N, C-alpha and C. Protein backbone atom coordinates (compact mmCIF):
# COMPACT_ATOMS: atom_id res chain seq x y z
N MET A 1 0.98 -1.21 -0.05
CA MET A 1 0.01 -0.03 -0.04
C MET A 1 0.84 1.26 -0.05
N SER A 2 0.43 2.21 -0.76
CA SER A 2 1.36 3.42 -0.89
C SER A 2 0.97 4.43 0.15
N GLU A 3 2.10 5.10 0.48
CA GLU A 3 1.89 6.21 1.63
C GLU A 3 1.21 7.39 0.99
N SER A 4 0.36 8.10 1.68
CA SER A 4 -0.44 9.21 1.17
C SER A 4 0.60 10.35 1.46
N SER A 5 0.63 11.28 0.41
CA SER A 5 1.33 12.53 0.56
C SER A 5 0.50 13.85 0.91
N SER A 6 -0.87 13.44 1.42
CA SER A 6 -1.63 14.58 1.83
C SER A 6 -1.17 15.26 2.93
N ILE A 7 -1.32 16.59 2.93
CA ILE A 7 -0.94 17.50 4.01
C ILE A 7 -2.28 17.94 4.63
N LEU A 8 -2.36 17.56 5.98
CA LEU A 8 -3.58 18.00 6.71
C LEU A 8 -3.61 19.58 6.97
N LEU A 9 -4.92 20.07 6.74
CA LEU A 9 -5.13 21.50 7.00
C LEU A 9 -6.08 21.59 8.19
N GLU A 10 -5.57 22.33 9.24
CA GLU A 10 -6.50 22.35 10.60
C GLU A 10 -6.65 23.82 10.84
N GLY A 11 -7.43 24.50 10.18
CA GLY A 11 -7.64 25.91 10.62
C GLY A 11 -7.38 26.91 9.29
N ARG A 12 -7.97 28.10 9.68
CA ARG A 12 -7.92 29.13 8.72
C ARG A 12 -6.41 29.45 8.08
N ARG A 13 -5.55 29.44 8.97
CA ARG A 13 -4.11 29.81 8.50
C ARG A 13 -3.56 28.84 7.65
N ASP A 14 -3.74 27.52 8.07
CA ASP A 14 -3.23 26.37 7.14
C ASP A 14 -3.92 26.52 5.82
N CYS A 15 -5.16 26.71 5.73
CA CYS A 15 -5.98 26.88 4.43
C CYS A 15 -5.36 27.99 3.68
N GLN A 16 -5.04 29.12 4.31
CA GLN A 16 -4.63 30.36 3.50
C GLN A 16 -3.35 30.03 2.87
N GLU A 17 -2.39 29.47 3.65
CA GLU A 17 -0.94 29.07 3.24
C GLU A 17 -1.08 28.14 2.07
N ALA A 18 -1.89 27.12 2.11
CA ALA A 18 -2.13 26.10 1.11
C ALA A 18 -2.71 26.66 -0.21
N ALA A 19 -3.74 27.43 0.02
CA ALA A 19 -4.37 28.26 -1.28
C ALA A 19 -3.29 29.13 -1.97
N LYS A 20 -2.56 29.78 -1.08
CA LYS A 20 -1.49 30.73 -1.72
C LYS A 20 -0.42 29.86 -2.45
N THR A 21 0.03 28.87 -1.66
CA THR A 21 1.08 27.89 -2.16
C THR A 21 0.63 27.48 -3.63
N LEU A 22 -0.42 26.95 -3.61
CA LEU A 22 -1.03 26.23 -4.86
C LEU A 22 -1.16 27.18 -5.91
N ILE A 23 -1.79 28.42 -5.71
CA ILE A 23 -2.02 29.34 -6.71
C ILE A 23 -0.80 29.93 -7.31
N LEU A 24 0.04 30.29 -6.30
CA LEU A 24 1.24 31.07 -6.70
C LEU A 24 2.27 29.98 -7.40
N GLY A 25 2.01 28.75 -7.37
CA GLY A 25 2.88 27.76 -7.92
C GLY A 25 2.27 27.29 -9.39
N SER A 26 1.06 27.83 -9.61
CA SER A 26 0.28 27.37 -10.92
C SER A 26 0.93 27.99 -12.02
N VAL A 27 0.92 27.33 -13.14
CA VAL A 27 1.52 27.87 -14.42
C VAL A 27 0.32 28.12 -15.52
N GLY A 28 -0.93 27.88 -15.33
CA GLY A 28 -1.80 27.99 -16.42
C GLY A 28 -3.23 27.64 -16.06
N ARG A 29 -3.56 26.76 -15.12
CA ARG A 29 -4.89 26.51 -14.77
C ARG A 29 -5.23 26.38 -13.26
N VAL A 30 -6.15 27.25 -12.93
CA VAL A 30 -6.78 27.29 -11.63
C VAL A 30 -8.16 27.09 -11.51
N TYR A 31 -8.72 26.12 -10.93
CA TYR A 31 -10.16 25.96 -10.78
C TYR A 31 -10.51 25.99 -9.25
N ILE A 32 -11.60 26.63 -9.03
CA ILE A 32 -12.04 26.88 -7.64
C ILE A 32 -13.50 26.45 -7.46
N ILE A 33 -13.87 25.54 -6.39
CA ILE A 33 -15.25 25.49 -5.96
C ILE A 33 -15.28 26.09 -4.68
N THR A 34 -16.08 27.23 -4.41
CA THR A 34 -16.20 27.80 -3.21
C THR A 34 -17.56 28.27 -2.66
N GLN A 35 -17.84 28.35 -1.50
CA GLN A 35 -19.09 28.67 -1.04
C GLN A 35 -19.49 30.19 -1.36
N ARG A 36 -18.46 31.16 -1.06
CA ARG A 36 -18.75 32.38 -1.07
C ARG A 36 -17.64 33.41 -1.46
N LEU A 37 -16.51 32.57 -2.08
CA LEU A 37 -15.24 33.21 -2.55
C LEU A 37 -14.59 33.79 -1.20
N GLU A 38 -14.50 32.97 -0.29
CA GLU A 38 -13.94 33.20 0.96
C GLU A 38 -12.71 34.13 0.90
N SER A 39 -13.02 35.40 1.34
CA SER A 39 -11.94 36.49 1.38
C SER A 39 -10.64 35.96 2.15
N GLU A 40 -10.85 35.27 3.18
CA GLU A 40 -9.70 34.92 3.92
C GLU A 40 -8.75 33.93 3.23
N LEU A 41 -9.31 33.16 2.11
CA LEU A 41 -8.42 32.48 1.36
C LEU A 41 -7.85 33.03 0.02
N TYR A 42 -8.90 33.74 -0.63
CA TYR A 42 -8.59 34.13 -2.06
C TYR A 42 -8.55 35.72 -2.37
N ASN A 43 -8.98 36.51 -1.40
CA ASN A 43 -8.77 37.94 -1.70
C ASN A 43 -7.34 38.55 -1.15
N ASP A 44 -6.55 38.22 -2.07
CA ASP A 44 -5.15 38.45 -1.82
C ASP A 44 -4.43 39.07 -3.03
N VAL A 45 -3.68 40.20 -2.83
CA VAL A 45 -3.17 40.82 -3.91
C VAL A 45 -2.00 40.18 -4.61
N GLU A 46 -1.27 39.25 -3.83
CA GLU A 46 -0.26 38.35 -4.52
C GLU A 46 -0.94 37.41 -5.46
N ILE A 47 -2.04 36.81 -4.98
CA ILE A 47 -2.76 35.89 -5.72
C ILE A 47 -3.23 36.61 -7.01
N TYR A 48 -3.82 37.82 -6.88
CA TYR A 48 -4.46 38.50 -8.12
C TYR A 48 -3.21 38.82 -9.04
N ASP A 49 -2.15 39.46 -8.49
CA ASP A 49 -0.98 39.67 -9.36
C ASP A 49 -0.50 38.50 -10.13
N HIS A 50 -0.34 37.38 -9.38
CA HIS A 50 0.10 36.13 -10.22
C HIS A 50 -0.90 35.64 -11.33
N LEU A 51 -2.07 35.64 -10.94
CA LEU A 51 -3.06 35.13 -11.86
C LEU A 51 -3.20 36.24 -13.06
N SER A 52 -3.18 37.55 -12.73
CA SER A 52 -3.12 38.53 -13.84
C SER A 52 -1.91 38.33 -14.81
N ARG A 53 -0.74 38.08 -14.24
CA ARG A 53 0.53 37.86 -15.12
C ARG A 53 0.37 36.63 -15.79
N LEU A 54 -0.19 35.54 -15.17
CA LEU A 54 -0.50 34.40 -16.11
C LEU A 54 -1.37 34.56 -17.24
N ALA A 55 -2.38 35.38 -17.05
CA ALA A 55 -3.51 35.58 -18.08
C ALA A 55 -2.92 36.39 -19.25
N THR A 56 -1.98 37.40 -18.79
CA THR A 56 -1.47 38.32 -19.75
C THR A 56 -0.07 37.73 -20.52
N THR A 57 0.37 36.68 -19.96
CA THR A 57 1.52 36.34 -20.71
C THR A 57 1.43 34.74 -21.16
N ASN A 58 0.34 33.97 -20.89
CA ASN A 58 0.14 32.69 -21.31
C ASN A 58 -1.38 32.60 -21.75
N ARG A 59 -1.48 32.47 -23.10
CA ARG A 59 -2.80 32.48 -23.74
C ARG A 59 -3.64 31.26 -23.44
N HIS A 60 -2.95 30.24 -22.84
CA HIS A 60 -3.68 29.08 -22.49
C HIS A 60 -4.12 29.10 -20.89
N THR A 61 -3.96 30.29 -20.41
CA THR A 61 -4.52 30.40 -19.05
C THR A 61 -5.94 30.16 -18.90
N ASP A 62 -6.34 29.37 -17.94
CA ASP A 62 -7.76 29.14 -17.77
C ASP A 62 -7.95 29.14 -16.13
N ILE A 63 -8.79 30.21 -15.77
CA ILE A 63 -9.14 30.30 -14.31
C ILE A 63 -10.65 30.18 -14.44
N ARG A 64 -11.16 29.43 -13.61
CA ARG A 64 -12.65 29.07 -13.44
C ARG A 64 -13.00 28.95 -11.99
N ILE A 65 -14.05 29.74 -11.63
CA ILE A 65 -14.52 29.62 -10.28
C ILE A 65 -15.91 29.40 -10.22
N ILE A 66 -16.32 28.36 -9.43
CA ILE A 66 -17.85 28.07 -9.16
C ILE A 66 -18.07 28.51 -7.67
N THR A 67 -19.16 29.27 -7.59
CA THR A 67 -19.55 29.60 -6.25
C THR A 67 -20.99 29.70 -6.09
N HIS A 68 -21.40 29.53 -4.80
CA HIS A 68 -22.78 29.63 -4.36
C HIS A 68 -23.41 30.98 -4.24
N ASP A 69 -22.59 31.88 -3.81
CA ASP A 69 -22.93 33.40 -3.59
C ASP A 69 -21.82 34.26 -3.45
N THR A 70 -21.93 35.28 -4.32
CA THR A 70 -20.91 36.22 -4.39
C THR A 70 -21.33 37.62 -4.01
N ARG A 71 -22.42 37.72 -3.46
CA ARG A 71 -22.91 39.04 -3.09
C ARG A 71 -22.02 39.75 -2.16
N VAL A 72 -21.56 39.20 -1.08
CA VAL A 72 -20.72 39.82 -0.07
C VAL A 72 -19.43 40.22 -0.69
N ALA A 73 -18.85 39.19 -1.41
CA ALA A 73 -17.47 39.38 -2.06
C ALA A 73 -17.62 40.51 -3.08
N ALA A 74 -18.67 40.60 -3.96
CA ALA A 74 -18.90 41.61 -4.97
C ALA A 74 -18.91 42.95 -4.15
N ASN A 75 -19.53 43.08 -3.07
CA ASN A 75 -19.75 44.33 -2.40
C ASN A 75 -18.37 44.78 -1.81
N GLN A 76 -17.48 43.82 -1.47
CA GLN A 76 -16.08 44.13 -0.82
C GLN A 76 -14.99 44.47 -1.93
N GLY A 77 -15.32 44.39 -3.15
CA GLY A 77 -14.21 44.53 -4.10
C GLY A 77 -13.34 43.43 -4.19
N HIS A 78 -13.71 42.12 -4.11
CA HIS A 78 -12.90 41.06 -4.19
C HIS A 78 -11.86 40.96 -5.26
N TYR A 79 -10.58 40.68 -5.04
CA TYR A 79 -9.63 40.60 -6.19
C TYR A 79 -9.98 39.62 -7.21
N LEU A 80 -10.57 38.46 -6.95
CA LEU A 80 -11.00 37.38 -7.97
C LEU A 80 -11.97 38.00 -8.85
N ILE A 81 -12.94 38.66 -8.39
CA ILE A 81 -13.97 39.29 -9.17
C ILE A 81 -13.41 40.48 -10.19
N GLN A 82 -12.67 41.22 -9.53
CA GLN A 82 -11.97 42.26 -10.26
C GLN A 82 -11.18 41.54 -11.53
N LEU A 83 -10.50 40.36 -11.30
CA LEU A 83 -9.91 39.70 -12.33
C LEU A 83 -10.69 39.22 -13.36
N ALA A 84 -11.83 38.65 -12.90
CA ALA A 84 -12.72 38.05 -13.91
C ALA A 84 -13.37 39.28 -14.73
N GLN A 85 -13.60 40.52 -14.18
CA GLN A 85 -14.16 41.42 -14.94
C GLN A 85 -13.07 42.03 -15.90
N ARG A 86 -11.84 42.13 -15.41
CA ARG A 86 -10.73 42.63 -16.39
C ARG A 86 -10.24 41.79 -17.36
N LEU A 87 -10.22 40.50 -17.12
CA LEU A 87 -9.81 39.56 -18.10
C LEU A 87 -10.84 38.33 -18.25
N PRO A 88 -12.01 38.75 -18.78
CA PRO A 88 -13.00 37.59 -18.96
C PRO A 88 -12.79 36.51 -19.85
N THR A 89 -11.66 36.65 -20.77
CA THR A 89 -11.41 35.62 -21.62
C THR A 89 -10.76 34.44 -20.91
N PHE A 90 -10.01 34.78 -19.75
CA PHE A 90 -9.13 33.89 -18.97
C PHE A 90 -9.69 33.50 -17.67
N ALA A 91 -10.57 34.36 -17.19
CA ALA A 91 -10.97 34.19 -15.83
C ALA A 91 -12.58 34.27 -15.81
N GLN A 92 -13.24 33.30 -15.32
CA GLN A 92 -14.69 33.34 -15.32
C GLN A 92 -15.34 32.80 -13.92
N ILE A 93 -16.36 33.39 -13.68
CA ILE A 93 -17.02 32.96 -12.47
C ILE A 93 -18.39 32.56 -12.68
N ARG A 94 -18.85 31.30 -12.28
CA ARG A 94 -20.09 30.76 -12.58
C ARG A 94 -20.81 30.51 -11.14
N ALA A 95 -22.20 30.67 -11.35
CA ALA A 95 -23.01 30.33 -9.99
C ALA A 95 -23.63 29.02 -10.02
N THR A 96 -23.79 28.32 -8.93
CA THR A 96 -24.52 27.00 -8.90
C THR A 96 -25.97 27.25 -9.08
N VAL A 97 -26.69 26.43 -9.75
CA VAL A 97 -28.15 26.64 -9.91
C VAL A 97 -28.86 25.34 -9.47
N THR A 98 -28.42 24.30 -9.61
CA THR A 98 -29.06 23.00 -9.39
C THR A 98 -29.06 22.70 -7.73
N GLN A 99 -30.05 22.26 -7.22
CA GLN A 99 -30.11 21.89 -5.79
C GLN A 99 -28.99 21.02 -5.33
N GLU A 100 -28.77 20.04 -6.23
CA GLU A 100 -27.53 19.10 -5.95
C GLU A 100 -26.29 19.83 -5.63
N HIS A 101 -25.86 20.89 -6.71
CA HIS A 101 -24.91 21.76 -6.57
C HIS A 101 -24.86 22.63 -5.33
N ARG A 102 -26.01 23.19 -5.14
CA ARG A 102 -26.13 24.15 -4.09
C ARG A 102 -26.02 23.30 -2.77
N ASN A 103 -26.17 22.11 -2.63
CA ASN A 103 -25.99 21.40 -1.32
C ASN A 103 -24.52 20.90 -1.23
N PHE A 104 -23.73 21.17 -2.24
CA PHE A 104 -22.39 20.70 -2.09
C PHE A 104 -21.65 21.77 -1.11
N ARG A 105 -21.07 21.30 -0.14
CA ARG A 105 -20.49 22.04 1.03
C ARG A 105 -18.98 22.03 1.19
N GLU A 106 -18.36 21.45 0.15
CA GLU A 106 -16.90 21.52 0.34
C GLU A 106 -16.35 22.61 -0.53
N SER A 107 -14.94 22.83 -0.34
CA SER A 107 -14.37 23.90 -1.14
C SER A 107 -13.06 23.25 -1.83
N TRP A 108 -12.99 23.28 -2.97
CA TRP A 108 -11.90 22.78 -3.76
C TRP A 108 -11.06 23.81 -4.54
N LEU A 109 -9.87 23.47 -4.67
CA LEU A 109 -8.88 24.26 -5.42
C LEU A 109 -7.97 23.30 -6.20
N ILE A 110 -8.11 23.41 -7.55
CA ILE A 110 -7.33 22.55 -8.38
C ILE A 110 -6.26 23.60 -9.18
N ALA A 111 -5.02 23.15 -9.12
CA ALA A 111 -3.98 23.97 -9.68
C ALA A 111 -3.27 23.08 -10.68
N ASP A 112 -3.39 23.56 -12.06
CA ASP A 112 -2.70 22.66 -13.17
C ASP A 112 -3.11 21.25 -13.03
N ASP A 113 -2.29 20.33 -13.32
CA ASP A 113 -2.63 18.97 -13.44
C ASP A 113 -2.40 18.02 -12.27
N SER A 114 -1.87 18.57 -11.19
CA SER A 114 -1.28 17.77 -10.23
C SER A 114 -1.67 18.17 -8.77
N ALA A 115 -1.90 19.50 -8.56
CA ALA A 115 -2.01 20.01 -7.15
C ALA A 115 -3.44 20.30 -6.84
N TYR A 116 -3.93 19.96 -5.50
CA TYR A 116 -5.17 20.28 -5.29
C TYR A 116 -5.39 20.48 -3.75
N MET A 117 -6.35 21.29 -3.40
CA MET A 117 -6.71 21.47 -1.95
C MET A 117 -8.25 21.09 -1.84
N ARG A 118 -8.54 20.25 -0.87
CA ARG A 118 -9.98 20.08 -0.70
C ARG A 118 -10.33 20.30 0.77
N ILE A 119 -11.19 21.26 1.07
CA ILE A 119 -11.69 21.63 2.27
C ILE A 119 -12.95 21.00 2.59
N ARG A 120 -12.90 19.89 3.38
CA ARG A 120 -14.21 19.26 3.63
C ARG A 120 -15.21 19.92 4.48
N ASN A 121 -14.61 20.76 5.29
CA ASN A 121 -15.41 21.50 6.32
C ASN A 121 -15.06 22.98 6.29
N PRO A 122 -15.60 23.78 5.27
CA PRO A 122 -15.24 25.06 5.10
C PRO A 122 -15.52 26.02 6.40
N GLU A 123 -16.57 25.83 7.16
CA GLU A 123 -16.91 26.58 8.28
C GLU A 123 -15.61 26.48 9.33
N ARG A 124 -14.97 25.34 9.43
CA ARG A 124 -13.87 25.10 10.52
C ARG A 124 -12.63 25.07 9.73
N PHE A 125 -12.47 25.16 8.30
CA PHE A 125 -11.31 25.28 7.59
C PHE A 125 -10.42 24.06 7.91
N GLU A 126 -11.16 22.86 7.67
CA GLU A 126 -10.52 21.54 7.78
C GLU A 126 -10.42 20.78 6.41
N GLY A 127 -9.17 20.25 6.12
CA GLY A 127 -9.19 19.48 4.96
C GLY A 127 -7.85 19.01 4.69
N TYR A 128 -7.32 18.92 3.40
CA TYR A 128 -6.04 18.55 3.19
C TYR A 128 -5.58 18.95 1.82
N TYR A 129 -4.35 18.96 1.37
CA TYR A 129 -3.79 19.18 0.04
C TYR A 129 -2.81 18.38 -0.39
N GLU A 130 -2.61 18.32 -1.75
CA GLU A 130 -1.44 17.53 -2.20
C GLU A 130 -0.68 18.41 -3.30
N ILE A 131 0.56 18.33 -3.43
CA ILE A 131 1.24 19.06 -4.40
C ILE A 131 1.37 18.21 -5.70
N ASP A 132 1.50 16.89 -5.60
CA ASP A 132 1.84 16.04 -6.70
C ASP A 132 0.99 14.76 -6.75
N ASN A 133 -0.15 14.83 -7.27
CA ASN A 133 -0.93 13.62 -7.36
C ASN A 133 -2.02 13.85 -8.56
N LYS A 134 -1.35 13.51 -9.72
CA LYS A 134 -2.21 13.57 -11.05
C LYS A 134 -3.39 12.77 -11.00
N LEU A 135 -3.30 11.55 -10.59
CA LEU A 135 -4.52 10.74 -10.56
C LEU A 135 -5.70 11.35 -9.82
N GLU A 136 -5.51 11.65 -8.49
CA GLU A 136 -6.51 12.29 -7.76
C GLU A 136 -7.00 13.63 -8.28
N CYS A 137 -5.96 14.49 -8.76
CA CYS A 137 -6.22 15.66 -9.29
C CYS A 137 -7.16 15.60 -10.48
N ARG A 138 -6.98 14.55 -11.40
CA ARG A 138 -7.86 14.15 -12.64
C ARG A 138 -9.31 13.92 -12.11
N SER A 139 -9.43 13.25 -10.98
CA SER A 139 -10.74 12.98 -10.59
C SER A 139 -11.52 14.10 -10.09
N TYR A 140 -10.68 15.12 -9.48
CA TYR A 140 -11.38 16.28 -9.03
C TYR A 140 -11.66 17.29 -10.37
N TYR A 141 -10.72 17.30 -11.18
CA TYR A 141 -11.06 17.95 -12.40
C TYR A 141 -12.24 17.47 -13.20
N ASP A 142 -12.48 16.23 -13.39
CA ASP A 142 -13.61 15.67 -14.05
C ASP A 142 -14.94 16.10 -13.29
N ASP A 143 -14.79 16.03 -12.05
CA ASP A 143 -16.18 16.50 -11.25
C ASP A 143 -16.36 17.89 -11.22
N PHE A 144 -15.26 18.65 -11.32
CA PHE A 144 -15.37 20.23 -11.69
C PHE A 144 -16.04 20.45 -12.87
N VAL A 145 -15.46 19.87 -13.90
CA VAL A 145 -16.04 20.16 -15.24
C VAL A 145 -17.53 19.90 -15.39
N GLU A 146 -17.85 18.67 -14.72
CA GLU A 146 -19.39 18.41 -14.70
C GLU A 146 -20.19 19.43 -14.10
N MET A 147 -19.68 19.91 -12.94
CA MET A 147 -20.37 20.95 -12.18
C MET A 147 -20.40 22.25 -12.94
N TRP A 148 -19.26 22.58 -13.48
CA TRP A 148 -19.21 23.80 -14.33
C TRP A 148 -20.18 23.84 -15.40
N GLU A 149 -20.29 22.79 -16.17
CA GLU A 149 -21.33 22.67 -17.31
C GLU A 149 -22.77 23.01 -16.90
N ALA A 150 -22.97 22.76 -15.55
CA ALA A 150 -24.38 22.95 -14.99
C ALA A 150 -24.57 24.34 -14.33
N CYS A 151 -23.83 25.16 -14.40
CA CYS A 151 -23.69 26.37 -13.71
C CYS A 151 -24.06 27.53 -14.66
N ASP A 152 -24.51 28.60 -14.11
CA ASP A 152 -24.71 29.86 -14.97
C ASP A 152 -23.78 31.05 -14.60
N GLN A 153 -23.68 31.98 -15.64
CA GLN A 153 -22.81 32.98 -15.28
C GLN A 153 -23.27 33.71 -14.05
N ASP A 154 -22.43 34.10 -13.14
CA ASP A 154 -22.77 34.73 -11.91
C ASP A 154 -23.11 36.21 -12.24
N GLN A 155 -24.35 36.51 -11.94
CA GLN A 155 -24.86 37.82 -12.07
C GLN A 155 -24.29 38.97 -11.33
N ASN A 156 -23.71 38.58 -10.04
CA ASN A 156 -23.17 39.63 -9.17
C ASN A 156 -21.92 40.02 -9.72
N THR A 157 -21.13 39.32 -10.50
CA THR A 157 -19.80 39.59 -10.85
C THR A 157 -19.67 40.02 -12.33
N ARG A 158 -20.82 40.12 -13.10
CA ARG A 158 -20.63 40.48 -14.45
C ARG A 158 -20.24 41.97 -14.63
N ARG A 159 -19.52 42.27 -15.53
CA ARG A 159 -19.04 43.65 -15.78
C ARG A 159 -20.11 44.40 -16.58
N LEU A 160 -20.52 45.67 -16.07
CA LEU A 160 -21.56 46.29 -16.59
C LEU A 160 -20.92 47.26 -17.59
N ASN A 161 -21.34 47.16 -18.86
CA ASN A 161 -20.89 48.12 -19.86
C ASN A 161 -21.86 49.18 -20.00
N LEU A 162 -21.40 50.52 -19.74
CA LEU A 162 -22.29 51.50 -19.85
C LEU A 162 -22.05 52.40 -20.98
C-alpha cells in the first residue's frame, strides 16, 4: 500500500497558506469551487497579481470559479471578481443553480494537473492538500467540469458596460 502525501489542513491559517502556495505555484490552470469566494483564502493581492500575470503572458491560462453566493465578495471589491471583470477571456465565475450543487458544502482548489486542496469543512477550515497527485487531481477535475457545465454566469460579478 502506498503512503499518502496529503498534508492536513487544520484551521484558517493552514488553508490560507495552502491556497496561496498552490495558486502561486500554478502555471496555467486554476479551478476553484467555493461557498462564497472566501476572502480569507482568495482575496489576496499576490494571488491577483500572479493570476493577472499568467493571463497576460500565457494565452492558455484558464481560471474558473464556481461559487454559491458572491454578493458579499462583490460588495467588498474582491480581487478575483476584479480579475474576472478585467480579463473575462481567461477568468470566469459561475454560480451553482441545481439543488444538488447548492448542497455541495466542500471547497476545492485545483492547480494545473497535479495539485489540489480539498476543504471538507469550510466553516472550520479543515481538509487537506497535495502538491503532486495527478490521478487524484484528474478525478477532481472531471467532477469540476461536470459541475461547471451545469452552472450559469454569476450575475453579481458581471461587468456592466455603460
